[in-house]
Amino acid sequence: MRTLSAVALLCVLSTLVFAQNQKRIFLSPKSNITTSEIAEGFAKTCPNVVLTQNEEKADYVLEAAETVRAHEGTTYHKWHFTLMTKDGDVLVTTHPEMHWGSKTKHHFQTVCRFINK
């Protein structure tokens, strides 16, 4: 019984700590990457980040853009993130470069590192 109580207390405490570290991001209307793609990326890379549709509740604004370019029959998709304050001040940007293996992972890692420092 004591073990069960200790586990329950640990779960409650970890939930409280997680909620305190939670950051909310509003996806800018200028973004052309879907909310589901962005939410999935943060869930994998930075689980304390939550996307919100309520701009008032947001801690940050993220502009997530995808550019598409065609060259000699090959189409290239590159992502570029800009993290801003709610007032529009730019805090960090990522470079629209291709990474072998994952074209998007470094964008999420860069934003997460900045938010969690």
PDB file of N, CA and C in Angstrom:
ATOM      1  N   MET A   1       0.818  -1.195   0.000  1.00  0.00           N
ATOM      2  CA  MET A   1       0.000   0.000   0.000  1.00  0.00           C
ATOM      3  C   MET A   1       0.864   1.263   0.000  1.00  0.00           C
ATOM      4  N   ARG A   2       1.974   1.227   0.765  1.00  0.00           N
ATOM      5  CA  ARG A   2       2.859   2.390   0.799  1.00  0.00           C
ATOM      6  C   ARG A   2       3.500   2.629  -0.558  1.00  0.00           C
ATOM      7  N   THR A   3       3.819   1.555  -1.266  1.00  0.00           N
ATOM      8  CA  THR A   3       4.427   1.686  -2.590  1.00  0.00           C
ATOM      9  C   THR A   3       3.452   2.346  -3.562  1.00  0.00           C
ATOM     10  N   LEU A   4       2.199   1.925  -3.501  1.00  0.00           N
ATOM     11  CA  LEU A   4       1.180   2.503  -4.368  1.00  0.00           C
ATOM     12  C   LEU A   4       0.990   3.990  -4.073  1.00  0.00           C
ATOM     13  N   SER A   5       1.004   4.372  -2.816  1.00  0.00           N
ATOM     14  CA  SER A   5       0.870   5.780  -2.429  1.00  0.00           C
ATOM     15  C   SER A   5       2.070   6.587  -2.913  1.00  0.00           C
ATOM     16  N   ALA A   6       3.246   6.008  -2.810  1.00  0.00           N
ATOM     17  CA  ALA A   6       4.460   6.700  -3.255  1.00  0.00           C
ATOM     18  C   ALA A   6       4.439   6.908  -4.767  1.00  0.00           C
ATOM     19  N   VAL A   7       3.999   5.908  -5.504  1.00  0.00           N
ATOM     20  CA  VAL A   7       3.906   6.028  -6.966  1.00  0.00           C
ATOM     21  C   VAL A   7       2.883   7.092  -7.345  1.00  0.00           C
ATOM     22  N   ALA A   8       1.753   7.106  -6.679  1.00  0.00           N
ATOM     23  CA  ALA A   8       0.718   8.108  -6.953  1.00  0.00           C
ATOM     24  C   ALA A   8       1.233   9.514  -6.670  1.00  0.00           C
ATOM     25  N   LEU A   9       1.953   9.685  -5.564  1.00  0.00           N
ATOM     26  CA  LEU A   9       2.518  10.989  -5.227  1.00  0.00           C
ATOM     27  C   LEU A   9       3.548  11.417  -6.257  1.00  0.00           C
ATOM     28  N   LEU A  10       4.379  10.496  -6.714  1.00  0.00           N
ATOM     29  CA  LEU A  10       5.380  10.792  -7.737  1.00  0.00           C
ATOM     30  C   LEU A  10       4.714  11.237  -9.034  1.00  0.00           C
ATOM     31  N   CYS A  11       3.634  10.579  -9.416  1.00  0.00           N
ATOM     32  CA  CYS A  11       2.896  10.954 -10.633  1.00  0.00           C
ATOM     33  C   CYS A  11       2.327  12.364 -10.518  1.00  0.00           C
ATOM     34  N   VAL A  12       1.751  12.680  -9.378  1.00  0.00           N
ATOM     35  CA  VAL A  12       1.184  14.014  -9.170  1.00  0.00           C
ATOM     36  C   VAL A  12       2.271  15.078  -9.223  1.00  0.00           C
ATOM     37  N   LEU A  13       3.386  14.832  -8.557  1.00  0.00           N
ATOM     38  CA  LEU A  13       4.482  15.803  -8.548  1.00  0.00           C
ATOM     39  C   LEU A  13       5.081  15.998  -9.931  1.00  0.00           C
ATOM     40  N   SER A  14       5.271  14.914 -10.670  1.00  0.00           N
ATOM     41  CA  SER A  14       5.839  15.049 -12.016  1.00  0.00           C
ATOM     42  C   SER A  14       4.885  15.798 -12.936  1.00  0.00           C
ATOM     43  N   THR A  15       3.586  15.616 -12.765  1.00  0.00           N
ATOM     44  CA  THR A  15       2.597  16.352 -13.557  1.00  0.00           C
ATOM     45  C   THR A  15       2.661  17.845 -13.244  1.00  0.00           C
ATOM     46  N   LEU A  16       2.824  18.189 -11.978  1.00  0.00           N
ATOM     47  CA  LEU A  16       2.930  19.595 -11.585  1.00  0.00           C
ATOM     48  C   LEU A  16       4.190  20.234 -12.155  1.00  0.00           C
ATOM     49  N   VAL A  17       5.307  19.534 -12.096  1.00  0.00           N
ATOM     50  CA  VAL A  17       6.564  20.059 -12.650  1.00  0.00           C
ATOM     51  C   VAL A  17       6.436  20.238 -14.151  1.00  0.00           C
ATOM     52  N   PHE A  18       5.857  19.253 -14.832  1.00  0.00           N
ATOM     53  CA  PHE A  18       5.679  19.338 -16.277  1.00  0.00           C
ATOM     54  C   PHE A  18       4.805  20.528 -16.635  1.00  0.00           C
ATOM     55  N   ALA A  19       3.717  20.744 -15.914  1.00  0.00           N
ATOM     56  CA  ALA A  19       2.799  21.851 -16.202  1.00  0.00           C
ATOM     57  C   ALA A  19       3.488  23.199 -16.014  1.00  0.00           C
ATOM     58  N   GLN A  20       4.393  23.299 -15.041  1.00  0.00           N
ATOM     59  CA  GLN A  20       5.099  24.557 -14.815  1.00  0.00           C
ATOM     60  C   GLN A  20       6.074  24.854 -15.947  1.00  0.00           C
ATOM     61  N   ASN A  21       6.646  23.830 -16.556  1.00  0.00           N
ATOM     62  CA  ASN A  21       7.620  24.011 -17.628  1.00  0.00           C
ATOM     63  C   ASN A  21       6.968  24.092 -19.001  1.00  0.00           C
ATOM     64  N   GLN A  22       5.673  23.929 -19.070  1.00  0.00           N
ATOM     65  CA  GLN A  22       4.974  23.923 -20.341  1.00  0.00           C
ATOM     66  C   GLN A  22       4.995  25.315 -20.974  1.00  0.00           C
ATOM     67  N   LYS A  23       5.322  25.354 -22.260  1.00  0.00           N
ATOM     68  CA  LYS A  23       5.332  26.598 -23.026  1.00  0.00           C
ATOM     69  C   LYS A  23       4.312  26.489 -24.147  1.00  0.00           C
ATOM     70  N   ARG A  24       3.593  27.572 -24.391  1.00  0.00           N
ATOM     71  CA  ARG A  24       2.566  27.589 -25.431  1.00  0.00           C
ATOM     72  C   ARG A  24       3.034  28.441 -26.603  1.00  0.00           C
ATOM     73  N   ILE A  25       2.840  27.892 -27.797  1.00  0.00           N
ATOM     74  CA  ILE A  25       3.231  28.580 -29.023  1.00  0.00           C
ATOM     75  C   ILE A  25       2.005  28.757 -29.910  1.00  0.00           C
ATOM     76  N   PHE A  26       1.854  29.967 -30.395  1.00  0.00           N
ATOM     77  CA  PHE A  26       0.798  30.289 -31.357  1.00  0.00           C
ATOM     78  C   PHE A  26       1.432  30.256 -32.742  1.00  0.00           C
ATOM     79  N   LEU A  27       0.834  29.530 -33.667  1.00  0.00           N
ATOM     80  CA  LEU A  27       1.359  29.429 -35.029  1.00  0.00           C
ATOM     81  C   LEU A  27       0.883  30.635 -35.828  1.00  0.00           C
ATOM     82  N   SER A  28       1.818  31.407 -36.330  1.00  0.00           N
ATOM     83  CA  SER A  28       1.522  32.633 -37.066  1.00  0.00           C
ATOM     84  C   SER A  28       0.631  32.366 -38.281  1.00  0.00           C
ATOM     85  N   PRO A  29      -0.268  33.286 -38.587  1.00  0.00           N
ATOM     86  CA  PRO A  29      -1.100  33.139 -39.783  1.00  0.00           C
ATOM     87  C   PRO A  29      -0.271  33.126 -41.077  1.00  0.00           C
ATOM     88  N   LYS A  30       0.951  33.623 -41.019  1.00  0.00           N
ATOM     89  CA  LYS A  30       1.828  33.607 -42.190  1.00  0.00           C
ATOM     90  C   LYS A  30       2.423  32.225 -42.457  1.00  0.00           C
ATOM     91  N   SER A  31       2.293  31.307 -41.507  1.00  0.00           N
ATOM     92  CA  SER A  31       2.864  29.962 -41.647  1.00  0.00           C
ATOM     93  C   SER A  31       2.148  29.188 -42.740  1.00  0.00           C
ATOM     94  N   ASN A  32       2.905  28.384 -43.471  1.00  0.00           N
ATOM     95  CA  ASN A  32       2.289  27.541 -44.494  1.00  0.00           C
ATOM     96  C   ASN A  32       2.565  26.051 -44.248  1.00  0.00           C
ATOM     97  N   ILE A  33       2.980  25.714 -43.040  1.00  0.00           N
ATOM     98  CA  ILE A  33       3.143  24.322 -42.624  1.00  0.00           C
ATOM     99  C   ILE A  33       1.971  24.020 -41.693  1.00  0.00           C
ATOM    100  N   THR A  34       1.383  22.844 -41.835  1.00  0.00           N
ATOM    101  CA  THR A  34       0.165  22.545 -41.079  1.00  0.00           C
ATOM    102  C   THR A  34       0.425  22.457 -39.580  1.00  0.00           C
ATOM    103  N   THR A  35      -0.606  22.766 -38.825  1.00  0.00           N
ATOM    104  CA  THR A  35      -0.546  22.677 -37.375  1.00  0.00           C
ATOM    105  C   THR A  35      -0.199  21.260 -36.939  1.00  0.00           C
ATOM    106  N   SER A  36      -0.747  20.264 -37.618  1.00  0.00           N
ATOM    107  CA  SER A  36      -0.476  18.874 -37.232  1.00  0.00           C
ATOM    108  C   SER A  36       0.993  18.506 -37.417  1.00  0.00           C
ATOM    109  N   GLU A  37       1.631  18.985 -38.481  1.00  0.00           N
ATOM    110  CA  GLU A  37       3.057  18.704 -38.682  1.00  0.00           C
ATOM    111  C   GLU A  37       3.907  19.359 -37.594  1.00  0.00           C
ATOM    112  N   ILE A  38       3.573  20.587 -37.246  1.00  0.00           N
ATOM    113  CA  ILE A  38       4.318  21.306 -36.217  1.00  0.00           C
ATOM    114  C   ILE A  38       4.096  20.657 -34.853  1.00  0.00           C
ATOM    115  N   ALA A  39       2.853  20.327 -34.530  1.00  0.00           N
ATOM    116  CA  ALA A  39       2.542  19.691 -33.251  1.00  0.00           C
ATOM    117  C   ALA A  39       3.261  18.354 -33.114  1.00  0.00           C
ATOM    118  N   GLU A  40       3.286  17.570 -34.175  1.00  0.00           N
ATOM    119  CA  GLU A  40       3.969  16.274 -34.149  1.00  0.00           C
ATOM    120  C   GLU A  40       5.469  16.452 -33.924  1.00  0.00           C
ATOM    121  N   GLY A  41       6.063  17.444 -34.575  1.00  0.00           N
ATOM    122  CA  GLY A  41       7.495  17.701 -34.408  1.00  0.00           C
ATOM    123  C   GLY A  41       7.845  18.091 -32.984  1.00  0.00           C
ATOM    124  N   PHE A  42       7.042  18.959 -32.377  1.00  0.00           N
ATOM    125  CA  PHE A  42       7.302  19.345 -30.993  1.00  0.00           C
ATOM    126  C   PHE A  42       7.047  18.189 -30.032  1.00  0.00           C
ATOM    127  N   ALA A  43       6.038  17.369 -30.297  1.00  0.00           N
ATOM    128  CA  ALA A  43       5.749  16.225 -29.430  1.00  0.00           C
ATOM    129  C   ALA A  43       6.935  15.268 -29.397  1.00  0.00           C
ATOM    130  N   LYS A  44       7.616  15.096 -30.518  1.00  0.00           N
ATOM    131  CA  LYS A  44       8.768  14.198 -30.582  1.00  0.00           C
ATOM    132  C   LYS A  44      10.030  14.820 -30.001  1.00  0.00           C
ATOM    133  N   THR A  45      10.215  16.104 -30.204  1.00  0.00           N
ATOM    134  CA  THR A  45      11.472  16.763 -29.857  1.00  0.00           C
ATOM    135  C   THR A  45      11.415  17.523 -28.542  1.00  0.00           C
ATOM    136  N   CYS A  46      10.279  18.110 -28.243  1.00  0.00           N
ATOM    137  CA  CYS A  46      10.164  19.029 -27.118  1.00  0.00           C
ATOM    138  C   CYS A  46       8.765  18.910 -26.513  1.00  0.00           C
ATOM    139  N   PRO A  47       8.512  17.848 -25.754  1.00  0.00           N
ATOM    140  CA  PRO A  47       7.142  17.582 -25.300  1.00  0.00           C
ATOM    141  C   PRO A  47       6.545  18.627 -24.360  1.00  0.00           C
ATOM    142  N   ASN A  48       7.356  19.542 -23.828  1.00  0.00           N
ATOM    143  CA  ASN A  48       6.783  20.581 -22.966  1.00  0.00           C
ATOM    144  C   ASN A  48       6.223  21.759 -23.769  1.00  0.00           C
ATOM    145  N   VAL A  49       6.320  21.693 -25.102  1.00  0.00           N
ATOM    146  CA  VAL A  49       5.773  22.741 -25.966  1.00  0.00           C
ATOM    147  C   VAL A  49       4.414  22.302 -26.486  1.00  0.00           C
ATOM    148  N   VAL A  50       3.440  23.197 -26.355  1.00  0.00           N
ATOM    149  CA  VAL A  50       2.077  22.935 -26.796  1.00  0.00           C
ATOM    150  C   VAL A  50       1.679  24.033 -27.772  1.00  0.00           C
ATOM    151  N   LEU A  51       1.095  23.635 -28.895  1.00  0.00           N
ATOM    152  CA  LEU A  51       0.545  24.629 -29.818  1.00  0.00           C
ATOM    153  C   LEU A  51      -0.830  25.034 -29.328  1.00  0.00           C
ATOM    154  N   THR A  52      -1.129  26.308 -29.436  1.00  0.00           N
ATOM    155  CA  THR A  52      -2.434  26.808 -29.033  1.00  0.00           C
ATOM    156  C   THR A  52      -3.017  27.663 -30.147  1.00  0.00           C
ATOM    157  N   GLN A  53      -4.329  27.625 -30.264  1.00  0.00           N
ATOM    158  CA  GLN A  53      -5.037  28.478 -31.212  1.00  0.00           C
ATOM    159  C   GLN A  53      -5.449  29.797 -30.555  1.00  0.00           C
ATOM    160  N   ASN A  54      -5.177  29.913 -29.248  1.00  0.00           N
ATOM    161  CA  ASN A  54      -5.523  31.110 -28.491  1.00  0.00           C
ATOM    162  C   ASN A  54      -4.271  31.975 -28.347  1.00  0.00           C
ATOM    163  N   GLU A  55      -4.181  32.996 -29.162  1.00  0.00           N
ATOM    164  CA  GLU A  55      -2.994  33.856 -29.174  1.00  0.00           C
ATOM    165  C   GLU A  55      -2.750  34.514 -27.817  1.00  0.00           C
ATOM    166  N   GLU A  56      -3.809  34.809 -27.077  1.00  0.00           N
ATOM    167  CA  GLU A  56      -3.677  35.448 -25.765  1.00  0.00           C
ATOM    168  C   GLU A  56      -2.945  34.556 -24.756  1.00  0.00           C
ATOM    169  N   LYS A  57      -3.119  33.247 -24.849  1.00  0.00           N
ATOM    170  CA  LYS A  57      -2.502  32.307 -23.920  1.00  0.00           C
ATOM    171  C   LYS A  57      -1.057  31.968 -24.296  1.00  0.00           C
ATOM    172  N   ALA A  58      -0.633  32.341 -25.485  1.00  0.00           N
ATOM    173  CA  ALA A  58       0.674  31.933 -25.997  1.00  0.00           C
ATOM    174  C   ALA A  58       1.819  32.664 -25.307  1.00  0.00           C
ATOM    175  N   ASP A  59       2.925  31.941 -25.133  1.00  0.00           N
ATOM    176  CA  ASP A  59       4.167  32.540 -24.653  1.00  0.00           C
ATOM    177  C   ASP A  59       4.994  33.070 -25.822  1.00  0.00           C
ATOM    178  N   TYR A  60       4.854  32.420 -26.975  1.00  0.00           N
ATOM    179  CA  TYR A  60       5.629  32.760 -28.164  1.00  0.00           C
ATOM    180  C   TYR A  60       4.746  32.650 -29.404  1.00  0.00           C
ATOM    181  N   VAL A  61       5.243  33.237 -30.505  1.00  0.00           N
ATOM    182  CA  VAL A  61       4.620  33.094 -31.820  1.00  0.00           C
ATOM    183  C   VAL A  61       5.669  32.447 -32.722  1.00  0.00           C
ATOM    184  N   LEU A  62       5.243  31.448 -33.494  1.00  0.00           N
ATOM    185  CA  LEU A  62       6.152  30.756 -34.412  1.00  0.00           C
ATOM    186  C   LEU A  62       5.653  30.926 -35.835  1.00  0.00           C
ATOM    187  N   GLU A  63       6.537  31.408 -36.695  1.00  0.00           N
ATOM    188  CA  GLU A  63       6.245  31.428 -38.126  1.00  0.00           C
ATOM    189  C   GLU A  63       7.002  30.255 -38.728  1.00  0.00           C
ATOM    190  N   ALA A  64       6.269  29.312 -39.283  1.00  0.00           N
ATOM    191  CA  ALA A  64       6.857  28.096 -39.851  1.00  0.00           C
ATOM    192  C   ALA A  64       6.574  28.082 -41.345  1.00  0.00           C
ATOM    193  N   ALA A  65       7.631  28.246 -42.136  1.00  0.00           N
ATOM    194  CA  ALA A  65       7.450  28.370 -43.576  1.00  0.00           C
ATOM    195  C   ALA A  65       8.168  27.250 -44.313  1.00  0.00           C
ATOM    196  N   GLU A  66       7.529  26.793 -45.364  1.00  0.00           N
ATOM    197  CA  GLU A  66       8.125  25.799 -46.251  1.00  0.00           C
ATOM    198  C   GLU A  66       8.258  26.434 -47.621  1.00  0.00           C
ATOM    199  N   THR A  67       9.462  26.359 -48.178  1.00  0.00           N
ATOM    200  CA  THR A  67       9.665  26.828 -49.542  1.00  0.00           C
ATOM    201  C   THR A  67       9.857  25.602 -50.426  1.00  0.00           C
ATOM    202  N   VAL A  68       9.335  25.683 -51.628  1.00  0.00           N
ATOM    203  CA  VAL A  68       9.436  24.585 -52.582  1.00  0.00           C
ATOM    204  C   VAL A  68      10.140  25.109 -53.815  1.00  0.00           C
ATOM    205  N   ARG A  69      11.127  24.351 -54.260  1.00  0.00           N
ATOM    206  CA  ARG A  69      11.911  24.757 -55.420  1.00  0.00           C
ATOM    207  C   ARG A  69      12.111  23.543 -56.309  1.00  0.00           C
ATOM    208  N   ALA A  70      12.050  23.734 -57.582  1.00  0.00           N
ATOM    209  CA  ALA A  70      12.287  22.649 -58.533  1.00  0.00           C
ATOM    210  C   ALA A  70      13.553  22.943 -59.328  1.00  0.00           C
ATOM    211  N   HIS A  71      14.369  21.907 -59.496  1.00  0.00           N
ATOM    212  CA  HIS A  71      15.609  22.056 -60.265  1.00  0.00           C
ATOM    213  C   HIS A  71      15.884  20.745 -60.985  1.00  0.00           C
ATOM    214  N   GLU A  72      15.918  20.799 -62.289  1.00  0.00           N
ATOM    215  CA  GLU A  72      16.217  19.641 -63.127  1.00  0.00           C
ATOM    216  C   GLU A  72      15.358  18.428 -62.774  1.00  0.00           C
ATOM    217  N   GLY A  73      14.068  18.650 -62.640  1.00  0.00           N
ATOM    218  CA  GLY A  73      13.136  17.563 -62.401  1.00  0.00           C
ATOM    219  C   GLY A  73      13.017  17.095 -60.962  1.00  0.00           C
ATOM    220  N   THR A  74      13.785  17.693 -60.063  1.00  0.00           N
ATOM    221  CA  THR A  74      13.712  17.325 -58.650  1.00  0.00           C
ATOM    222  C   THR A  74      13.109  18.483 -57.869  1.00  0.00           C
ATOM    223  N   THR A  75      12.191  18.146 -56.972  1.00  0.00           N
ATOM    224  CA  THR A  75      11.563  19.158 -56.140  1.00  0.00           C
ATOM    225  C   THR A  75      12.203  19.153 -54.767  1.00  0.00           C
ATOM    226  N   TYR A  76      12.557  20.338 -54.280  1.00  0.00           N
ATOM    227  CA  TYR A  76      13.189  20.481 -52.977  1.00  0.00           C
ATOM    228  C   TYR A  76      12.248  21.231 -52.041  1.00  0.00           C
ATOM    229  N   HIS A  77      12.039  20.673 -50.853  1.00  0.00           N
ATOM    230  CA  HIS A  77      11.220  21.305 -49.821  1.00  0.00           C
ATOM    231  C   HIS A  77      12.147  21.677 -48.668  1.00  0.00           C
ATOM    232  N   LYS A  78      12.137  22.937 -48.289  1.00  0.00           N
ATOM    233  CA  LYS A  78      12.981  23.385 -47.181  1.00  0.00           C
ATOM    234  C   LYS A  78      12.134  24.152 -46.174  1.00  0.00           C
ATOM    235  N   TRP A  79      12.385  23.887 -44.904  1.00  0.00           N
ATOM    236  CA  TRP A  79      11.654  24.550 -43.830  1.00  0.00           C
ATOM    237  C   TRP A  79      12.496  25.658 -43.220  1.00  0.00           C
ATOM    238  N   HIS A  80      11.802  26.652 -42.651  1.00  0.00           N
ATOM    239  CA  HIS A  80      12.447  27.788 -42.005  1.00  0.00           C
ATOM    240  C   HIS A  80      11.538  28.235 -40.868  1.00  0.00           C
ATOM    241  N   PHE A  81      12.061  28.294 -39.636  1.00  0.00           N
ATOM    242  CA  PHE A  81      11.269  28.714 -38.477  1.00  0.00           C
ATOM    243  C   PHE A  81      11.764  30.062 -37.980  1.00  0.00           C
ATOM    244  N   THR A  82      10.835  30.893 -37.537  1.00  0.00           N
ATOM    245  CA  THR A  82      11.158  32.136 -36.847  1.00  0.00           C
ATOM    246  C   THR A  82      10.334  32.171 -35.569  1.00  0.00           C
ATOM    247  N   LEU A  83      11.023  32.191 -34.423  1.00  0.00           N
ATOM    248  CA  LEU A  83      10.353  32.268 -33.128  1.00  0.00           C
ATOM    249  C   LEU A  83      10.376  33.719 -32.678  1.00  0.00           C
ATOM    250  N   MET A  84       9.194  34.222 -32.263  1.00  0.00           N
ATOM    251  CA  MET A  84       9.064  35.628 -31.890  1.00  0.00           C
ATOM    252  C   MET A  84       8.345  35.767 -30.546  1.00  0.00           C
ATOM    253  N   THR A  85       8.523  36.928 -29.938  1.00  0.00           N
ATOM    254  CA  THR A  85       7.715  37.269 -28.766  1.00  0.00           C
ATOM    255  C   THR A  85       6.308  37.584 -29.258  1.00  0.00           C
ATOM    256  N   LYS A  86       5.369  37.708 -28.338  1.00  0.00           N
ATOM    257  CA  LYS A  86       4.007  38.063 -28.726  1.00  0.00           C
ATOM    258  C   LYS A  86       3.934  39.458 -29.320  1.00  0.00           C
ATOM    259  N   ASP A  87       4.934  40.300 -29.035  1.00  0.00           N
ATOM    260  CA  ASP A  87       4.986  41.651 -29.585  1.00  0.00           C
ATOM    261  C   ASP A  87       5.635  41.698 -30.965  1.00  0.00           C
ATOM    262  N   GLY A  88       6.134  40.561 -31.447  1.00  0.00           N
ATOM    263  CA  GLY A  88       6.706  40.497 -32.785  1.00  0.00           C
ATOM    264  C   GLY A  88       8.213  40.604 -32.854  1.00  0.00           C
ATOM    265  N   ASP A  89       8.894  40.649 -31.707  1.00  0.00           N
ATOM    266  CA  ASP A  89      10.356  40.706 -31.720  1.00  0.00           C
ATOM    267  C   ASP A  89      10.916  39.327 -32.042  1.00  0.00           C
ATOM    268  N   VAL A  90      11.839  39.259 -32.998  1.00  0.00           N
ATOM    269  CA  VAL A  90      12.434  37.987 -33.405  1.00  0.00           C
ATOM    270  C   VAL A  90      13.434  37.531 -32.355  1.00  0.00           C
ATOM    271  N   LEU A  91      13.276  36.291 -31.915  1.00  0.00           N
ATOM    272  CA  LEU A  91      14.161  35.712 -30.905  1.00  0.00           C
ATOM    273  C   LEU A  91      15.193  34.767 -31.516  1.00  0.00           C
ATOM    274  N   VAL A  92      14.748  33.923 -32.434  1.00  0.00           N
ATOM    275  CA  VAL A  92      15.655  32.960 -33.064  1.00  0.00           C
ATOM    276  C   VAL A  92      15.062  32.533 -34.411  1.00  0.00           C
ATOM    277  N   THR A  93      15.934  32.262 -35.357  1.00  0.00           N
ATOM    278  CA  THR A  93      15.502  31.745 -36.660  1.00  0.00           C
ATOM    279  C   THR A  93      16.321  30.510 -36.992  1.00  0.00           C
ATOM    280  N   THR A  94      15.768  29.675 -37.862  1.00  0.00           N
ATOM    281  CA  THR A  94      16.518  28.519 -38.353  1.00  0.00           C
ATOM    282  C   THR A  94      16.808  28.737 -39.828  1.00  0.00           C
ATOM    283  N   HIS A  95      17.787  28.051 -40.320  1.00  0.00           N
ATOM    284  CA  HIS A  95      18.188  28.206 -41.714  1.00  0.00           C
ATOM    285  C   HIS A  95      17.451  27.200 -42.594  1.00  0.00           C
ATOM    286  N   PRO A  96      17.014  27.624 -43.759  1.00  0.00           N
ATOM    287  CA  PRO A  96      16.302  26.699 -44.659  1.00  0.00           C
ATOM    288  C   PRO A  96      17.284  25.811 -45.410  1.00  0.00           C
ATOM    289  N   GLU A  97      17.863  24.866 -44.713  1.00  0.00           N
ATOM    290  CA  GLU A  97      18.833  23.977 -45.344  1.00  0.00           C
ATOM    291  C   GLU A  97      18.361  22.535 -45.249  1.00  0.00           C
ATOM    292  N   MET A  98      18.865  21.718 -46.136  1.00  0.00           N
ATOM    293  CA  MET A  98      18.483  20.308 -46.165  1.00  0.00           C
ATOM    294  C   MET A  98      19.450  19.521 -45.284  1.00  0.00           C
ATOM    295  N   HIS A  99      18.885  18.691 -44.420  1.00  0.00           N
ATOM    296  CA  HIS A  99      19.690  17.798 -43.588  1.00  0.00           C
ATOM    297  C   HIS A  99      19.363  16.370 -43.995  1.00  0.00           C
ATOM    298  N   TRP A 100      20.375  15.591 -44.237  1.00  0.00           N
ATOM    299  CA  TRP A 100      20.151  14.206 -44.642  1.00  0.00           C
ATOM    300  C   TRP A 100      19.541  13.436 -43.480  1.00  0.00           C
ATOM    301  N   GLY A 101      18.533  12.656 -43.777  1.00  0.00           N
ATOM    302  CA  GLY A 101      17.875  11.845 -42.761  1.00  0.00           C
ATOM    303  C   GLY A 101      16.633  12.512 -42.212  1.00  0.00           C
ATOM    304  N   SER A 102      16.706  13.794 -41.923  1.00  0.00           N
ATOM    305  CA  SER A 102      15.538  14.512 -41.419  1.00  0.00           C
ATOM    306  C   SER A 102      15.643  15.968 -41.834  1.00  0.00           C
ATOM    307  N   LYS A 103      14.701  16.391 -42.646  1.00  0.00           N
ATOM    308  CA  LYS A 103      14.730  17.777 -43.124  1.00  0.00           C
ATOM    309  C   LYS A 103      14.189  18.753 -42.100  1.00  0.00           C
ATOM    310  N   THR A 104      13.592  18.246 -41.022  1.00  0.00           N
ATOM    311  CA  THR A 104      12.912  19.134 -40.096  1.00  0.00           C
ATOM    312  C   THR A 104      13.432  19.096 -38.672  1.00  0.00           C
ATOM    313  N   LYS A 105      14.121  18.050 -38.272  1.00  0.00           N
ATOM    314  CA  LYS A 105      14.454  17.846 -36.862  1.00  0.00           C
ATOM    315  C   LYS A 105      15.239  19.018 -36.265  1.00  0.00           C
ATOM    316  N   HIS A 106      16.209  19.557 -36.991  1.00  0.00           N
ATOM    317  CA  HIS A 106      17.036  20.621 -36.411  1.00  0.00           C
ATOM    318  C   HIS A 106      16.233  21.894 -36.138  1.00  0.00           C
ATOM    319  N   HIS A 107      15.157  22.121 -36.875  1.00  0.00           N
ATOM    320  CA  HIS A 107      14.324  23.301 -36.629  1.00  0.00           C
ATOM    321  C   HIS A 107      13.668  23.209 -35.248  1.00  0.00           C
ATOM    322  N   PHE A 108      13.107  22.051 -34.951  1.00  0.00           N
ATOM    323  CA  PHE A 108      12.472  21.844 -33.649  1.00  0.00           C
ATOM    324  C   PHE A 108      13.510  21.889 -32.529  1.00  0.00           C
ATOM    325  N   GLN A 109      14.665  21.283 -32.749  1.00  0.00           N
ATOM    326  CA  GLN A 109      15.714  21.289 -31.729  1.00  0.00           C
ATOM    327  C   GLN A 109      16.179  22.700 -31.414  1.00  0.00           C
ATOM    328  N   THR A 110      16.339  23.529 -32.426  1.00  0.00           N
ATOM    329  CA  THR A 110      16.783  24.916 -32.229  1.00  0.00           C
ATOM    330  C   THR A 110      15.768  25.695 -31.408  1.00  0.00           C
ATOM    331  N   VAL A 111      14.488  25.593 -31.750  1.00  0.00           N
ATOM    332  CA  VAL A 111      13.444  26.305 -31.015  1.00  0.00           C
ATOM    333  C   VAL A 111      13.372  25.784 -29.584  1.00  0.00           C
ATOM    334  N   CYS A 112      13.437  24.469 -29.412  1.00  0.00           N
ATOM    335  CA  CYS A 112      13.365  23.879 -28.054  1.00  0.00           C
ATOM    336  C   CYS A 112      14.529  24.323 -27.191  1.00  0.00           C
ATOM    337  N   ARG A 113      15.727  24.331 -27.742  1.00  0.00           N
ATOM    338  CA  ARG A 113      16.894  24.782 -26.983  1.00  0.00           C
ATOM    339  C   ARG A 113      16.701  26.214 -26.517  1.00  0.00           C
ATOM    340  N   PHE A 114      16.197  27.064 -27.390  1.00  0.00           N
ATOM    341  CA  PHE A 114      15.999  28.466 -27.019  1.00  0.00           C
ATOM    342  C   PHE A 114      14.945  28.603 -25.921  1.00  0.00           C
ATOM    343  N   ILE A 115      13.823  27.932 -26.077  1.00  0.00           N
ATOM    344  CA  ILE A 115      12.725  28.030 -25.120  1.00  0.00           C
ATOM    345  C   ILE A 115      13.132  27.485 -23.749  1.00  0.00           C
ATOM    346  N   ASN A 116      13.907  26.416 -23.738  1.00  0.00           N
ATOM    347  CA  ASN A 116      14.235  25.729 -22.487  1.00  0.00           C
ATOM    348  C   ASN A 116      15.546  26.156 -21.834  1.00  0.00           C
ATOM    349  N   LYS A 117      16.197  27.168 -22.364  1.00  0.00           N
ATOM    350  CA  LYS A 117      17.476  27.581 -21.747  1.00  0.00           C
ATOM    351  C   LYS A 117      17.250  28.353 -20.480  1.00  0.00           C
TER     352      LYS A 117
END
